[in-house]
Amino acid sequence: MDLKVDEEEVENGQPVSIEAFASNSTLHGLSHIFSYERFFAKRVFWTLCFLGSLAMLVFECNERIQYYFLYPHVTKLDEVATSHMTFPAVTFCNLNEFRFSRVTKNDLYHAGELLALLNSRYEIPDTQMADEKQLEILQDKANFRNFKPKPFNMREFSDRAGHDIQEMLLACTFRGTPCDPSDFKVVSRRFSDPVSGKRKGIGCCETIWKTATGRRISQCASDAIGGKTEGQPARFVTSFVSD
């Protein structure tokens, strides 16, 4: 809106009349609403037009603002039907990295802090959060009085204490063909945290793929160590890799 005020009226210190202000305004319709003419019907008509346009402007602005905060998006999905699909290589990992019942006193002595079961002073860090039965077992295993440690191998511990496909696999079929633990092979996997991006250990990773006979086999990650034990909810990371 461009306002053109008469310089003489400003210099004289006299207030500008509404008619003079409206006649010099570039705001559309304002000069017809506040005019020196005596045609009342014309002024009413322009007033209604001005108010109607203003109301429509406010309505559209409000509607667009509300639509913006809905954060609309478009999802496009292409679905392709096929009568034949090549069996993919499927890998799933148990995020519970070891079974507490398979941890020995020697394991606890060498890797108790790494497993988040003991602190640097070979003490149980938090007894209030532990299960009462498991706490009793842990306290007994953590009693290293007169204990003579034996050699310890992390890979051997992972293979021995990790979760077994025989216990993890509940049911397995592909296009009506059953599969069982014998079709799986242990593979080594490392898992990256989706939030921090840091690599972290996971439990047993099993992969099923095609063999020479048309069946597929799979295997357990032996390089993963952490603080999850049996009794924790089983969670899995699954990946599909085409042949």
Protein backbone atom coordinates (compact mmCIF):
# COMPACT_ATOMS: atom_id res chain seq x y z
CA MET A 1 0.00 0.00 0.00
CA ASP A 2 1.45 3.35 -1.08
CA LEU A 3 0.26 6.38 0.90
CA LYS A 4 0.64 9.78 -0.73
CA VAL A 5 0.09 12.53 1.76
CA ASP A 6 -0.30 16.13 0.66
CA GLU A 7 2.86 17.95 1.73
CA GLU A 8 1.01 21.23 2.35
CA GLU A 9 -1.34 19.66 4.88
CA VAL A 10 1.58 18.12 6.76
CA GLU A 11 3.44 21.42 6.81
CA ASN A 12 0.38 23.24 8.17
CA GLY A 13 0.15 20.74 11.01
CA GLN A 14 -3.47 19.92 10.20
CA PRO A 15 -4.59 16.30 10.42
CA VAL A 16 -5.32 14.61 7.11
CA SER A 17 -9.01 13.80 6.56
CA ILE A 18 -10.02 10.20 5.99
CA GLU A 19 -11.31 11.13 2.54
CA ALA A 20 -7.97 12.67 1.58
CA PHE A 21 -6.11 9.68 2.95
CA ALA A 22 -8.34 7.24 1.05
CA SER A 23 -8.20 9.18 -2.20
CA ASN A 24 -4.37 9.06 -2.18
CA SER A 25 -4.16 5.40 -1.09
CA THR A 26 -3.32 2.67 -3.59
CA LEU A 27 -5.16 0.06 -1.50
CA HIS A 28 -7.77 -1.19 -3.94
CA GLY A 29 -11.33 -0.03 -3.20
CA LEU A 30 -10.45 2.22 -0.27
CA SER A 31 -10.80 5.40 -2.32
CA HIS A 32 -14.35 4.37 -3.30
CA ILE A 33 -15.40 3.64 0.28
CA PHE A 34 -14.20 6.95 1.74
CA SER A 35 -14.91 9.43 -1.02
CA TYR A 36 -16.33 12.91 -1.34
CA GLU A 37 -19.13 11.59 -3.52
CA ARG A 38 -22.63 11.36 -2.07
CA PHE A 39 -23.59 8.06 -3.71
CA PHE A 40 -24.33 5.98 -0.61
CA ALA A 41 -25.19 2.81 -2.54
CA LYS A 42 -21.83 2.91 -4.33
CA ARG A 43 -19.93 3.24 -1.07
CA VAL A 44 -21.90 0.35 0.47
CA PHE A 45 -21.14 -1.81 -2.58
CA TRP A 46 -17.39 -1.14 -2.38
CA THR A 47 -17.42 -1.68 1.39
CA LEU A 48 -18.99 -5.11 0.95
CA CYS A 49 -16.50 -5.98 -1.79
CA PHE A 50 -13.56 -4.85 0.35
CA LEU A 51 -14.71 -6.75 3.45
CA GLY A 52 -15.49 -9.86 1.38
CA SER A 53 -12.03 -9.82 -0.20
CA LEU A 54 -10.40 -9.30 3.19
CA ALA A 55 -12.38 -12.19 4.70
CA MET A 56 -11.39 -14.47 1.82
CA LEU A 57 -7.74 -13.50 2.25
CA VAL A 58 -7.82 -14.28 5.98
CA PHE A 59 -9.60 -17.59 5.33
CA GLU A 60 -7.11 -18.74 2.70
CA CYS A 61 -4.10 -17.74 4.82
CA ASN A 62 -5.49 -19.60 7.82
CA GLU A 63 -6.29 -22.68 5.72
CA ARG A 64 -2.78 -22.75 4.19
CA ILE A 65 -1.11 -22.35 7.59
CA GLN A 66 -3.12 -25.24 9.04
CA TYR A 67 -2.29 -27.37 5.99
CA TYR A 68 1.41 -26.59 6.40
CA PHE A 69 1.48 -27.80 10.01
CA LEU A 70 -0.12 -31.09 8.95
CA TYR A 71 3.22 -31.82 7.23
CA PRO A 72 1.60 -33.54 4.24
CA HIS A 73 3.65 -36.03 2.23
CA VAL A 74 3.17 -38.35 -0.70
CA THR A 75 4.13 -42.02 -0.59
CA LYS A 76 4.50 -43.84 -3.89
CA LEU A 77 4.53 -47.64 -3.91
CA ASP A 78 5.15 -49.80 -6.95
CA GLU A 79 3.98 -53.39 -6.53
CA VAL A 80 5.22 -56.02 -8.94
CA ALA A 81 3.60 -59.46 -8.99
CA THR A 82 5.71 -62.48 -9.91
CA SER A 83 5.11 -66.21 -9.96
CA HIS A 84 8.78 -67.01 -9.28
CA MET A 85 11.15 -65.45 -6.75
CA THR A 86 14.75 -66.42 -6.08
CA PHE A 87 15.26 -67.43 -2.47
CA PRO A 88 17.17 -64.64 -0.71
CA ALA A 89 19.97 -65.03 1.80
CA VAL A 90 18.31 -64.27 5.13
CA THR A 91 20.37 -63.28 8.17
CA PHE A 92 18.92 -62.77 11.64
CA CYS A 93 20.81 -61.93 14.81
CA ASN A 94 19.94 -62.39 18.45
CA LEU A 95 20.76 -59.11 20.21
CA ASN A 96 21.10 -61.01 23.48
CA GLU A 97 24.80 -61.67 23.16
CA PHE A 98 25.30 -64.58 25.54
CA ARG A 99 23.45 -66.97 27.82
CA PHE A 100 23.94 -66.31 31.51
CA SER A 101 23.63 -70.01 32.37
CA ARG A 102 26.68 -70.79 30.22
CA VAL A 103 28.95 -68.21 31.86
CA THR A 104 31.50 -69.90 34.11
CA LYS A 105 33.46 -68.50 37.04
CA ASN A 106 36.53 -68.32 34.80
CA ASP A 107 34.55 -66.39 32.14
CA LEU A 108 33.35 -63.97 34.79
CA TYR A 109 36.87 -63.47 36.14
CA HIS A 110 38.34 -62.57 32.73
CA ALA A 111 35.38 -60.84 31.04
CA GLY A 112 33.01 -59.86 33.85
CA GLU A 113 33.53 -56.12 33.31
CA LEU A 114 33.27 -56.47 29.53
CA LEU A 115 30.02 -58.36 29.94
CA ALA A 116 28.69 -55.58 32.22
CA LEU A 117 28.20 -58.11 35.02
CA LEU A 118 31.04 -56.86 37.25
CA ASN A 119 32.87 -53.58 37.74
CA SER A 120 36.63 -53.03 37.68
CA ARG A 121 36.86 -54.21 41.33
CA TYR A 122 35.15 -57.55 40.51
CA GLU A 123 31.99 -56.40 42.29
CA ILE A 124 28.38 -56.61 41.12
CA PRO A 125 27.60 -53.00 40.07
CA ASP A 126 23.83 -52.89 40.69
CA THR A 127 22.18 -55.56 42.82
CA GLN A 128 18.77 -53.85 42.91
CA MET A 129 18.07 -54.22 39.17
CA ALA A 130 19.00 -57.93 38.98
CA ASP A 131 16.65 -60.91 39.23
CA GLU A 132 16.88 -62.46 42.70
CA LYS A 133 17.64 -65.97 41.44
CA GLN A 134 20.21 -64.78 38.91
CA LEU A 135 21.72 -62.50 41.54
CA GLU A 136 22.36 -65.45 43.84
CA ILE A 137 24.04 -67.37 41.02
CA LEU A 138 26.09 -64.32 40.03
CA GLN A 139 27.20 -63.71 43.62
CA ASP A 140 28.34 -67.31 43.88
CA LYS A 141 30.25 -67.14 40.58
CA ALA A 142 31.74 -63.75 41.50
CA ASN A 143 33.29 -65.16 44.68
CA PHE A 144 36.91 -65.44 43.56
CA ARG A 145 38.37 -66.28 46.96
CA ASN A 146 41.01 -68.99 46.51
CA PHE A 147 40.11 -69.10 42.80
CA LYS A 148 42.86 -69.95 40.34
CA PRO A 149 42.01 -68.55 36.89
CA LYS A 150 42.56 -70.60 33.75
CA PRO A 151 43.42 -69.37 30.23
CA PHE A 152 40.55 -67.56 28.54
CA ASN A 153 39.70 -67.22 24.84
CA MET A 154 37.03 -64.75 23.75
CA ARG A 155 36.16 -66.58 20.54
CA GLU A 156 35.74 -69.85 22.38
CA PHE A 157 33.54 -68.09 24.94
CA SER A 158 31.35 -66.57 22.21
CA ASP A 159 30.85 -69.91 20.50
CA ARG A 160 30.09 -71.66 23.77
CA ALA A 161 27.92 -69.06 25.51
CA GLY A 162 26.17 -67.62 22.44
CA HIS A 163 22.56 -68.49 21.62
CA ASP A 164 22.03 -71.60 19.52
CA ILE A 165 19.88 -71.75 16.39
CA GLN A 166 18.35 -74.94 17.77
CA GLU A 167 16.79 -72.83 20.55
CA MET A 168 16.08 -69.64 18.59
CA LEU A 169 14.32 -71.07 15.52
CA LEU A 170 10.65 -71.71 16.24
CA ALA A 171 9.33 -72.22 12.70
CA CYS A 172 10.69 -71.75 9.19
CA THR A 173 9.02 -72.11 5.77
CA PHE A 174 9.49 -70.55 2.34
CA ARG A 175 6.71 -70.88 -0.25
CA GLY A 176 5.43 -73.91 1.63
CA THR A 177 8.84 -75.62 1.85
CA PRO A 178 9.92 -76.22 5.47
CA CYS A 179 13.41 -75.40 6.71
CA ASP A 180 15.07 -76.36 9.99
CA PRO A 181 18.20 -75.55 12.04
CA SER A 182 20.30 -77.83 9.82
CA ASP A 183 19.75 -75.37 6.95
CA PHE A 184 21.51 -72.58 8.84
CA LYS A 185 25.16 -71.63 9.15
CA VAL A 186 26.82 -69.32 11.67
CA VAL A 187 28.17 -66.09 10.17
CA SER A 188 30.17 -63.25 11.70
CA ARG A 189 28.35 -59.94 11.82
CA ARG A 190 28.83 -56.57 13.48
CA PHE A 191 25.88 -54.29 14.12
CA SER A 192 25.87 -50.47 13.86
CA ASP A 193 23.65 -48.57 16.26
CA PRO A 194 21.04 -46.63 14.14
CA VAL A 195 21.21 -43.62 16.48
CA SER A 196 24.89 -43.19 17.28
CA GLY A 197 26.23 -44.97 14.22
CA LYS A 198 28.82 -46.70 16.41
CA ARG A 199 29.54 -50.36 15.82
CA LYS A 200 28.45 -52.62 18.63
CA GLY A 201 28.52 -56.33 19.37
CA ILE A 202 25.52 -58.55 18.81
CA GLY A 203 24.73 -62.12 19.59
CA CYS A 204 24.46 -65.11 17.32
CA CYS A 205 23.86 -64.32 13.63
CA GLU A 206 22.41 -67.09 11.50
CA THR A 207 22.16 -67.03 7.70
CA ILE A 208 20.24 -69.40 5.45
CA TRP A 209 21.22 -69.66 1.78
CA LYS A 210 21.19 -72.13 -1.13
CA THR A 211 23.54 -75.14 -1.19
CA ALA A 212 24.57 -77.35 -4.07
CA THR A 213 21.51 -79.51 -3.46
CA GLY A 214 19.17 -76.55 -3.67
CA ARG A 215 18.80 -76.14 0.09
CA ARG A 216 20.37 -73.39 2.11
CA ILE A 217 22.52 -73.38 5.19
CA SER A 218 23.52 -70.88 7.76
CA GLN A 219 26.12 -70.04 10.97
CA CYS A 220 26.90 -67.78 14.88
CA ALA A 221 28.73 -64.49 15.25
CA SER A 222 31.74 -65.31 17.35
CA ASP A 223 33.11 -61.77 17.62
CA ALA A 224 30.20 -60.22 19.52
CA ILE A 225 30.28 -59.57 23.25
CA GLY A 226 27.98 -57.43 25.38
CA GLY A 227 25.82 -57.26 28.46
CA LYS A 228 22.57 -58.99 27.46
CA THR A 229 21.85 -62.38 29.00
CA GLU A 230 19.22 -65.07 28.75
CA GLY A 231 16.00 -64.02 30.40
CA GLN A 232 16.04 -60.79 28.39
CA PRO A 233 13.48 -60.41 25.56
CA ALA A 234 14.82 -61.89 22.33
CA ARG A 235 15.20 -59.27 19.61
CA PHE A 236 16.39 -59.88 16.07
CA VAL A 237 18.09 -57.97 13.27
CA THR A 238 17.07 -59.40 9.90
CA SER A 239 18.58 -58.67 6.49
CA PHE A 240 17.64 -59.94 3.04
CA VAL A 241 20.32 -60.31 0.37
CA SER A 242 19.42 -61.42 -3.15
CA ASP A 243 21.51 -64.05 -4.90
